[in-house]
Amino acid sequence: MALTRMFSSSLLLAFVATQATAAEIDEIFRTQDTNGDNALSVEEARAAAPADFRAIDRGAKGYISADDIAAWTVSESKSDMAWPAQALAAISKSTLEMWDGNHDGKVTEQEYTEAAVALMLLADTDGDRRVSREELQRFRGEPVKP
């Protein structure tokens, strides 16, 4: 289920396409916090990225295109979400540009992995290169219990 891996794969699309629920965040930690320390590390993000890459790479071409991103965005959106074509194209293009390290118009698995780690680290407010459940909740707009 790509939605539960969305944190490591595409925070940008996660913000646009869905709102994270507490259950989705629980699923992210259940599947990605492989050492059970209640934090997502750079290593865990790197380990999750290949499966996420394959989920987005339609046709298993070995790279992600803007069309792949658009199709994945629609498939991961809530069923009542309608995407205006212009908005979907703009989001897909911007996401591709963000992930495409060498700017050749295609995102390789390596480029995707580096982008996933960089995006994960945006949620790391204390700078320890690990993202706690609370950091992820705040970053994704979920209320955090005191």
N, C-alpha and C. Protein backbone atom coordinates (compact mmCIF):
# COMPACT_ATOMS: atom_id res chain seq x y z
N MET A 1 0.85 -1.17 0.00
CA MET A 1 0.00 0.00 0.00
C MET A 1 0.89 1.23 0.00
N ALA A 2 0.97 1.91 -1.12
CA ALA A 2 1.88 3.03 -1.29
C ALA A 2 1.56 4.19 -0.37
N LEU A 3 0.29 4.39 -0.02
CA LEU A 3 -0.07 5.51 0.84
C LEU A 3 0.66 5.43 2.18
N THR A 4 0.81 4.25 2.72
CA THR A 4 1.48 4.12 4.01
C THR A 4 2.97 4.38 3.91
N ARG A 5 3.52 4.31 2.71
CA ARG A 5 4.94 4.59 2.52
C ARG A 5 5.16 6.00 2.00
N MET A 6 4.09 6.77 1.94
CA MET A 6 4.18 8.08 1.30
C MET A 6 5.21 8.99 1.96
N PHE A 7 5.42 8.83 3.26
CA PHE A 7 6.38 9.72 3.93
C PHE A 7 7.73 9.66 3.26
N SER A 8 8.23 8.46 3.06
CA SER A 8 9.56 8.36 2.47
C SER A 8 9.55 8.62 0.97
N SER A 9 8.44 8.41 0.34
CA SER A 9 8.43 8.55 -1.10
C SER A 9 8.12 9.94 -1.60
N SER A 10 7.19 10.65 -0.96
CA SER A 10 6.84 11.94 -1.52
C SER A 10 6.06 12.79 -0.56
N LEU A 11 6.73 13.54 0.25
CA LEU A 11 6.02 14.42 1.16
C LEU A 11 5.28 15.51 0.40
N LEU A 12 5.84 15.99 -0.68
CA LEU A 12 5.15 17.02 -1.45
C LEU A 12 3.78 16.52 -1.90
N LEU A 13 3.74 15.36 -2.50
CA LEU A 13 2.46 14.84 -2.96
C LEU A 13 1.55 14.49 -1.80
N ALA A 14 2.12 14.07 -0.70
CA ALA A 14 1.30 13.75 0.46
C ALA A 14 0.53 14.97 0.94
N PHE A 15 1.19 16.11 0.94
CA PHE A 15 0.51 17.33 1.36
C PHE A 15 -0.60 17.71 0.40
N VAL A 16 -0.35 17.56 -0.87
CA VAL A 16 -1.32 17.98 -1.87
C VAL A 16 -2.47 16.98 -1.98
N ALA A 17 -2.15 15.70 -1.99
CA ALA A 17 -3.16 14.69 -2.30
C ALA A 17 -3.97 14.23 -1.10
N THR A 18 -3.38 14.18 0.08
CA THR A 18 -4.09 13.62 1.23
C THR A 18 -3.69 14.33 2.49
N GLN A 19 -4.47 14.11 3.52
CA GLN A 19 -4.09 14.51 4.86
C GLN A 19 -3.76 13.22 5.60
N ALA A 20 -2.63 13.18 6.25
CA ALA A 20 -2.25 11.99 7.01
C ALA A 20 -3.16 11.85 8.21
N THR A 21 -3.57 10.65 8.46
CA THR A 21 -4.33 10.37 9.66
C THR A 21 -3.41 9.68 10.65
N ALA A 22 -3.84 9.64 11.89
CA ALA A 22 -3.05 8.95 12.90
C ALA A 22 -2.82 7.49 12.50
N ALA A 23 -3.81 6.86 11.91
CA ALA A 23 -3.66 5.46 11.49
C ALA A 23 -2.61 5.32 10.39
N GLU A 24 -2.56 6.27 9.46
CA GLU A 24 -1.56 6.21 8.40
C GLU A 24 -0.16 6.41 8.96
N ILE A 25 -0.02 7.31 9.90
CA ILE A 25 1.28 7.51 10.53
C ILE A 25 1.69 6.26 11.31
N ASP A 26 0.72 5.64 12.00
CA ASP A 26 1.02 4.37 12.69
C ASP A 26 1.51 3.32 11.70
N GLU A 27 0.88 3.25 10.52
CA GLU A 27 1.28 2.27 9.51
C GLU A 27 2.68 2.57 8.97
N ILE A 28 2.99 3.84 8.78
CA ILE A 28 4.34 4.21 8.34
C ILE A 28 5.37 3.71 9.34
N PHE A 29 5.12 3.94 10.61
CA PHE A 29 6.07 3.48 11.62
C PHE A 29 6.10 1.96 11.73
N ARG A 30 4.94 1.31 11.57
CA ARG A 30 4.91 -0.15 11.65
C ARG A 30 5.75 -0.77 10.54
N THR A 31 5.68 -0.19 9.35
CA THR A 31 6.38 -0.79 8.21
C THR A 31 7.80 -0.29 8.03
N GLN A 32 8.11 0.92 8.47
CA GLN A 32 9.43 1.49 8.19
C GLN A 32 10.37 1.57 9.39
N ASP A 33 9.84 1.59 10.58
CA ASP A 33 10.70 1.65 11.77
C ASP A 33 11.16 0.23 12.10
N THR A 34 12.09 -0.25 11.30
CA THR A 34 12.49 -1.66 11.36
C THR A 34 13.23 -2.04 12.64
N ASN A 35 13.85 -1.08 13.31
CA ASN A 35 14.53 -1.41 14.57
C ASN A 35 13.67 -1.12 15.79
N GLY A 36 12.45 -0.63 15.59
CA GLY A 36 11.50 -0.44 16.69
C GLY A 36 11.85 0.64 17.68
N ASP A 37 12.64 1.64 17.28
CA ASP A 37 13.04 2.69 18.22
C ASP A 37 12.13 3.92 18.18
N ASN A 38 10.98 3.81 17.50
CA ASN A 38 10.01 4.90 17.39
C ASN A 38 10.58 6.14 16.70
N ALA A 39 11.49 5.93 15.78
CA ALA A 39 12.02 7.02 14.96
C ALA A 39 12.39 6.42 13.60
N LEU A 40 12.26 7.25 12.57
CA LEU A 40 12.66 6.83 11.23
C LEU A 40 14.03 7.42 10.94
N SER A 41 14.97 6.56 10.63
CA SER A 41 16.34 6.99 10.39
C SER A 41 16.59 7.15 8.89
N VAL A 42 17.72 7.75 8.57
CA VAL A 42 18.15 7.87 7.18
C VAL A 42 18.26 6.48 6.57
N GLU A 43 18.82 5.55 7.30
CA GLU A 43 18.99 4.19 6.79
C GLU A 43 17.64 3.54 6.51
N GLU A 44 16.66 3.75 7.39
CA GLU A 44 15.33 3.18 7.18
C GLU A 44 14.64 3.83 5.98
N ALA A 45 14.83 5.12 5.78
CA ALA A 45 14.27 5.79 4.61
C ALA A 45 14.90 5.25 3.33
N ARG A 46 16.22 5.05 3.36
CA ARG A 46 16.90 4.47 2.19
C ARG A 46 16.38 3.06 1.89
N ALA A 47 16.14 2.29 2.92
CA ALA A 47 15.66 0.92 2.74
C ALA A 47 14.24 0.87 2.18
N ALA A 48 13.41 1.83 2.54
CA ALA A 48 12.01 1.85 2.06
C ALA A 48 11.90 2.40 0.64
N ALA A 49 12.84 3.19 0.21
CA ALA A 49 12.73 3.90 -1.07
C ALA A 49 12.60 2.99 -2.30
N PRO A 50 13.34 1.89 -2.43
CA PRO A 50 13.20 1.08 -3.65
C PRO A 50 11.78 0.56 -3.89
N ALA A 51 11.10 0.12 -2.86
CA ALA A 51 9.72 -0.36 -3.03
C ALA A 51 8.80 0.78 -3.45
N ASP A 52 9.02 1.93 -2.87
CA ASP A 52 8.21 3.10 -3.24
C ASP A 52 8.48 3.50 -4.68
N PHE A 53 9.75 3.47 -5.07
CA PHE A 53 10.13 3.78 -6.45
C PHE A 53 9.39 2.85 -7.41
N ARG A 54 9.41 1.56 -7.13
CA ARG A 54 8.75 0.58 -8.00
C ARG A 54 7.24 0.81 -8.06
N ALA A 55 6.65 1.28 -6.96
CA ALA A 55 5.20 1.55 -6.95
C ALA A 55 4.85 2.73 -7.87
N ILE A 56 5.75 3.66 -8.02
CA ILE A 56 5.50 4.84 -8.85
C ILE A 56 5.90 4.59 -10.31
N ASP A 57 6.92 3.79 -10.54
CA ASP A 57 7.45 3.51 -11.89
C ASP A 57 6.50 2.59 -12.65
N ARG A 58 5.52 3.17 -13.30
CA ARG A 58 4.57 2.39 -14.10
C ARG A 58 5.30 1.70 -15.23
N GLY A 59 5.04 0.44 -15.39
CA GLY A 59 5.66 -0.30 -16.48
C GLY A 59 7.06 -0.78 -16.17
N ALA A 60 7.55 -0.57 -14.97
CA ALA A 60 8.87 -1.05 -14.56
C ALA A 60 9.95 -0.67 -15.58
N LYS A 61 9.98 0.60 -15.97
CA LYS A 61 10.94 1.10 -16.96
C LYS A 61 12.32 1.33 -16.36
N GLY A 62 12.38 1.46 -15.05
CA GLY A 62 13.65 1.77 -14.41
C GLY A 62 13.83 3.25 -14.15
N TYR A 63 12.82 4.03 -14.45
CA TYR A 63 12.85 5.46 -14.14
C TYR A 63 11.41 5.96 -13.96
N ILE A 64 11.29 7.09 -13.29
CA ILE A 64 10.00 7.72 -13.06
C ILE A 64 9.90 8.95 -13.95
N SER A 65 8.77 9.08 -14.63
CA SER A 65 8.50 10.25 -15.47
C SER A 65 7.42 11.11 -14.81
N ALA A 66 7.18 12.28 -15.38
CA ALA A 66 6.10 13.13 -14.89
C ALA A 66 4.76 12.42 -15.03
N ASP A 67 4.58 11.65 -16.09
CA ASP A 67 3.33 10.89 -16.26
C ASP A 67 3.15 9.85 -15.16
N ASP A 68 4.24 9.21 -14.76
CA ASP A 68 4.17 8.25 -13.65
C ASP A 68 3.74 8.94 -12.37
N ILE A 69 4.31 10.10 -12.12
CA ILE A 69 3.97 10.85 -10.91
C ILE A 69 2.50 11.26 -10.93
N ALA A 70 2.03 11.72 -12.08
CA ALA A 70 0.62 12.11 -12.20
C ALA A 70 -0.30 10.92 -11.93
N ALA A 71 0.00 9.79 -12.54
CA ALA A 71 -0.83 8.59 -12.35
C ALA A 71 -0.82 8.14 -10.90
N TRP A 72 0.35 8.17 -10.28
CA TRP A 72 0.46 7.77 -8.88
C TRP A 72 -0.30 8.74 -7.98
N THR A 73 -0.22 10.02 -8.26
CA THR A 73 -0.91 11.03 -7.47
C THR A 73 -2.41 10.78 -7.50
N VAL A 74 -2.95 10.55 -8.67
CA VAL A 74 -4.38 10.28 -8.80
C VAL A 74 -4.75 9.00 -8.07
N SER A 75 -3.94 7.96 -8.23
CA SER A 75 -4.27 6.67 -7.60
C SER A 75 -4.21 6.74 -6.08
N GLU A 76 -3.37 7.61 -5.53
CA GLU A 76 -3.22 7.71 -4.08
C GLU A 76 -4.12 8.78 -3.44
N SER A 77 -4.84 9.52 -4.25
CA SER A 77 -5.72 10.55 -3.74
C SER A 77 -7.01 9.94 -3.20
N LYS A 78 -7.64 10.67 -2.32
CA LYS A 78 -8.93 10.23 -1.80
C LYS A 78 -9.91 10.12 -2.97
N SER A 79 -10.84 9.20 -2.85
CA SER A 79 -11.74 8.91 -3.97
C SER A 79 -12.58 10.12 -4.39
N ASP A 80 -12.83 11.05 -3.50
CA ASP A 80 -13.63 12.22 -3.86
C ASP A 80 -12.78 13.39 -4.36
N MET A 81 -11.49 13.17 -4.52
CA MET A 81 -10.58 14.23 -4.97
C MET A 81 -10.57 14.28 -6.49
N ALA A 82 -10.88 15.44 -7.03
CA ALA A 82 -10.81 15.63 -8.49
C ALA A 82 -9.61 16.52 -8.79
N TRP A 83 -8.80 16.10 -9.74
CA TRP A 83 -7.59 16.84 -10.10
C TRP A 83 -7.81 17.63 -11.38
N PRO A 84 -7.81 18.95 -11.32
CA PRO A 84 -7.81 19.71 -12.57
C PRO A 84 -6.53 19.38 -13.33
N ALA A 85 -6.65 19.17 -14.63
CA ALA A 85 -5.51 18.72 -15.45
C ALA A 85 -4.31 19.64 -15.32
N GLN A 86 -4.54 20.94 -15.30
CA GLN A 86 -3.43 21.89 -15.21
C GLN A 86 -2.70 21.77 -13.87
N ALA A 87 -3.45 21.61 -12.80
CA ALA A 87 -2.84 21.48 -11.47
C ALA A 87 -2.04 20.19 -11.37
N LEU A 88 -2.62 19.10 -11.85
CA LEU A 88 -1.93 17.81 -11.81
C LEU A 88 -0.64 17.86 -12.62
N ALA A 89 -0.69 18.48 -13.78
CA ALA A 89 0.52 18.60 -14.60
C ALA A 89 1.58 19.43 -13.91
N ALA A 90 1.18 20.52 -13.27
CA ALA A 90 2.13 21.39 -12.58
C ALA A 90 2.77 20.68 -11.39
N ILE A 91 1.96 19.97 -10.62
CA ILE A 91 2.48 19.25 -9.46
C ILE A 91 3.43 18.14 -9.91
N SER A 92 3.05 17.42 -10.94
CA SER A 92 3.89 16.32 -11.44
C SER A 92 5.22 16.85 -11.96
N LYS A 93 5.17 17.94 -12.70
CA LYS A 93 6.40 18.54 -13.24
C LYS A 93 7.30 19.04 -12.11
N SER A 94 6.72 19.73 -11.14
CA SER A 94 7.51 20.25 -10.01
C SER A 94 8.13 19.13 -9.20
N THR A 95 7.36 18.07 -8.98
CA THR A 95 7.88 16.93 -8.23
C THR A 95 9.03 16.27 -9.00
N LEU A 96 8.85 16.09 -10.29
CA LEU A 96 9.92 15.51 -11.11
C LEU A 96 11.18 16.36 -11.01
N GLU A 97 11.04 17.66 -11.13
CA GLU A 97 12.20 18.55 -11.05
C GLU A 97 12.89 18.45 -9.69
N MET A 98 12.10 18.28 -8.63
CA MET A 98 12.67 18.18 -7.29
C MET A 98 13.43 16.86 -7.12
N TRP A 99 12.90 15.78 -7.67
CA TRP A 99 13.53 14.47 -7.51
C TRP A 99 14.66 14.22 -8.50
N ASP A 100 14.67 14.88 -9.63
CA ASP A 100 15.58 14.59 -10.74
C ASP A 100 16.93 15.28 -10.52
N GLY A 101 17.83 14.59 -9.86
CA GLY A 101 19.12 15.16 -9.48
C GLY A 101 19.96 15.66 -10.63
N ASN A 102 19.96 14.96 -11.77
CA ASN A 102 20.79 15.40 -12.89
C ASN A 102 19.99 16.14 -13.96
N HIS A 103 18.73 16.38 -13.71
CA HIS A 103 17.85 17.19 -14.57
C HIS A 103 17.77 16.69 -16.01
N ASP A 104 17.67 15.35 -16.15
CA ASP A 104 17.53 14.79 -17.50
C ASP A 104 16.08 14.43 -17.84
N GLY A 105 15.15 14.80 -16.96
CA GLY A 105 13.74 14.53 -17.21
C GLY A 105 13.25 13.18 -16.76
N LYS A 106 14.13 12.40 -16.11
CA LYS A 106 13.78 11.08 -15.60
C LYS A 106 14.38 10.95 -14.20
N VAL A 107 13.68 10.24 -13.34
CA VAL A 107 14.18 10.01 -11.99
C VAL A 107 14.56 8.54 -11.86
N THR A 108 15.84 8.30 -11.59
CA THR A 108 16.31 6.93 -11.36
C THR A 108 16.05 6.54 -9.91
N GLU A 109 16.21 5.27 -9.62
CA GLU A 109 16.02 4.81 -8.24
C GLU A 109 17.00 5.51 -7.30
N GLN A 110 18.22 5.69 -7.73
CA GLN A 110 19.21 6.37 -6.88
C GLN A 110 18.79 7.82 -6.60
N GLU A 111 18.36 8.53 -7.65
CA GLU A 111 17.91 9.91 -7.46
C GLU A 111 16.69 9.96 -6.55
N TYR A 112 15.78 9.02 -6.74
CA TYR A 112 14.59 8.95 -5.92
C TYR A 112 14.96 8.71 -4.45
N THR A 113 15.87 7.80 -4.22
CA THR A 113 16.29 7.50 -2.85
C THR A 113 16.89 8.73 -2.18
N GLU A 114 17.75 9.43 -2.88
CA GLU A 114 18.35 10.65 -2.31
C GLU A 114 17.28 11.70 -2.01
N ALA A 115 16.31 11.84 -2.91
CA ALA A 115 15.23 12.80 -2.69
C ALA A 115 14.37 12.38 -1.50
N ALA A 116 14.11 11.08 -1.37
CA ALA A 116 13.30 10.59 -0.25
C ALA A 116 13.98 10.89 1.08
N VAL A 117 15.27 10.69 1.15
CA VAL A 117 16.02 10.98 2.38
C VAL A 117 15.99 12.48 2.66
N ALA A 118 16.22 13.29 1.65
CA ALA A 118 16.20 14.75 1.84
C ALA A 118 14.84 15.22 2.32
N LEU A 119 13.78 14.66 1.75
CA LEU A 119 12.43 15.03 2.18
C LEU A 119 12.17 14.58 3.61
N MET A 120 12.62 13.39 3.96
CA MET A 120 12.45 12.91 5.33
C MET A 120 13.12 13.86 6.31
N LEU A 121 14.31 14.31 5.95
CA LEU A 121 15.06 15.17 6.86
C LEU A 121 14.41 16.55 7.05
N LEU A 122 13.52 16.94 6.16
CA LEU A 122 12.79 18.19 6.36
C LEU A 122 11.94 18.14 7.62
N ALA A 123 11.49 16.96 8.00
CA ALA A 123 10.67 16.81 9.20
C ALA A 123 11.51 16.71 10.47
N ASP A 124 12.81 16.59 10.34
CA ASP A 124 13.72 16.40 11.47
C ASP A 124 14.01 17.74 12.15
N THR A 125 13.11 18.16 13.02
CA THR A 125 13.24 19.49 13.62
C THR A 125 14.36 19.60 14.64
N ASP A 126 14.77 18.50 15.25
CA ASP A 126 15.83 18.58 16.25
C ASP A 126 17.22 18.28 15.69
N GLY A 127 17.30 17.97 14.39
CA GLY A 127 18.59 17.80 13.73
C GLY A 127 19.35 16.52 14.06
N ASP A 128 18.66 15.50 14.58
CA ASP A 128 19.37 14.27 14.93
C ASP A 128 19.39 13.23 13.80
N ARG A 129 18.90 13.62 12.61
CA ARG A 129 18.85 12.77 11.42
C ARG A 129 17.94 11.56 11.62
N ARG A 130 16.97 11.73 12.49
CA ARG A 130 15.93 10.73 12.74
C ARG A 130 14.61 11.50 12.90
N VAL A 131 13.52 10.92 12.46
CA VAL A 131 12.22 11.58 12.56
C VAL A 131 11.35 10.78 13.52
N SER A 132 11.00 11.44 14.60
CA SER A 132 10.12 10.80 15.57
C SER A 132 8.67 10.88 15.09
N ARG A 133 7.82 10.12 15.73
CA ARG A 133 6.40 10.15 15.41
C ARG A 133 5.84 11.57 15.56
N GLU A 134 6.25 12.26 16.62
CA GLU A 134 5.77 13.62 16.85
C GLU A 134 6.25 14.58 15.76
N GLU A 135 7.51 14.45 15.35
CA GLU A 135 8.02 15.30 14.27
C GLU A 135 7.23 15.06 12.98
N LEU A 136 6.96 13.79 12.68
CA LEU A 136 6.21 13.47 11.47
C LEU A 136 4.78 13.99 11.58
N GLN A 137 4.16 13.84 12.73
CA GLN A 137 2.81 14.35 12.90
C GLN A 137 2.76 15.86 12.68
N ARG A 138 3.68 16.58 13.28
CA ARG A 138 3.71 18.04 13.11
C ARG A 138 3.94 18.40 11.64
N PHE A 139 4.88 17.72 11.03
CA PHE A 139 5.24 18.02 9.65
C PHE A 139 4.07 17.77 8.70
N ARG A 140 3.32 16.73 8.96
CA ARG A 140 2.19 16.36 8.09
C ARG A 140 0.90 17.04 8.52
N GLY A 141 0.95 17.90 9.53
CA GLY A 141 -0.22 18.67 9.91
C GLY A 141 -1.17 17.98 10.85
N GLU A 142 -0.75 16.89 11.48
CA GLU A 142 -1.57 16.18 12.45
C GLU A 142 -1.39 16.81 13.82
N PRO A 143 -2.43 16.88 14.62
CA PRO A 143 -2.26 17.36 15.99
C PRO A 143 -1.39 16.40 16.80
N VAL A 144 -0.60 16.95 17.67
CA VAL A 144 0.28 16.15 18.54
C VAL A 144 -0.25 16.26 19.95
N LYS A 145 -0.44 15.11 20.58
CA LYS A 145 -0.93 15.12 21.96
C LYS A 145 0.20 15.58 22.88
N PRO A 146 -0.12 16.46 23.84
CA PRO A 146 0.93 16.94 24.75
C PRO A 146 1.45 15.86 25.66
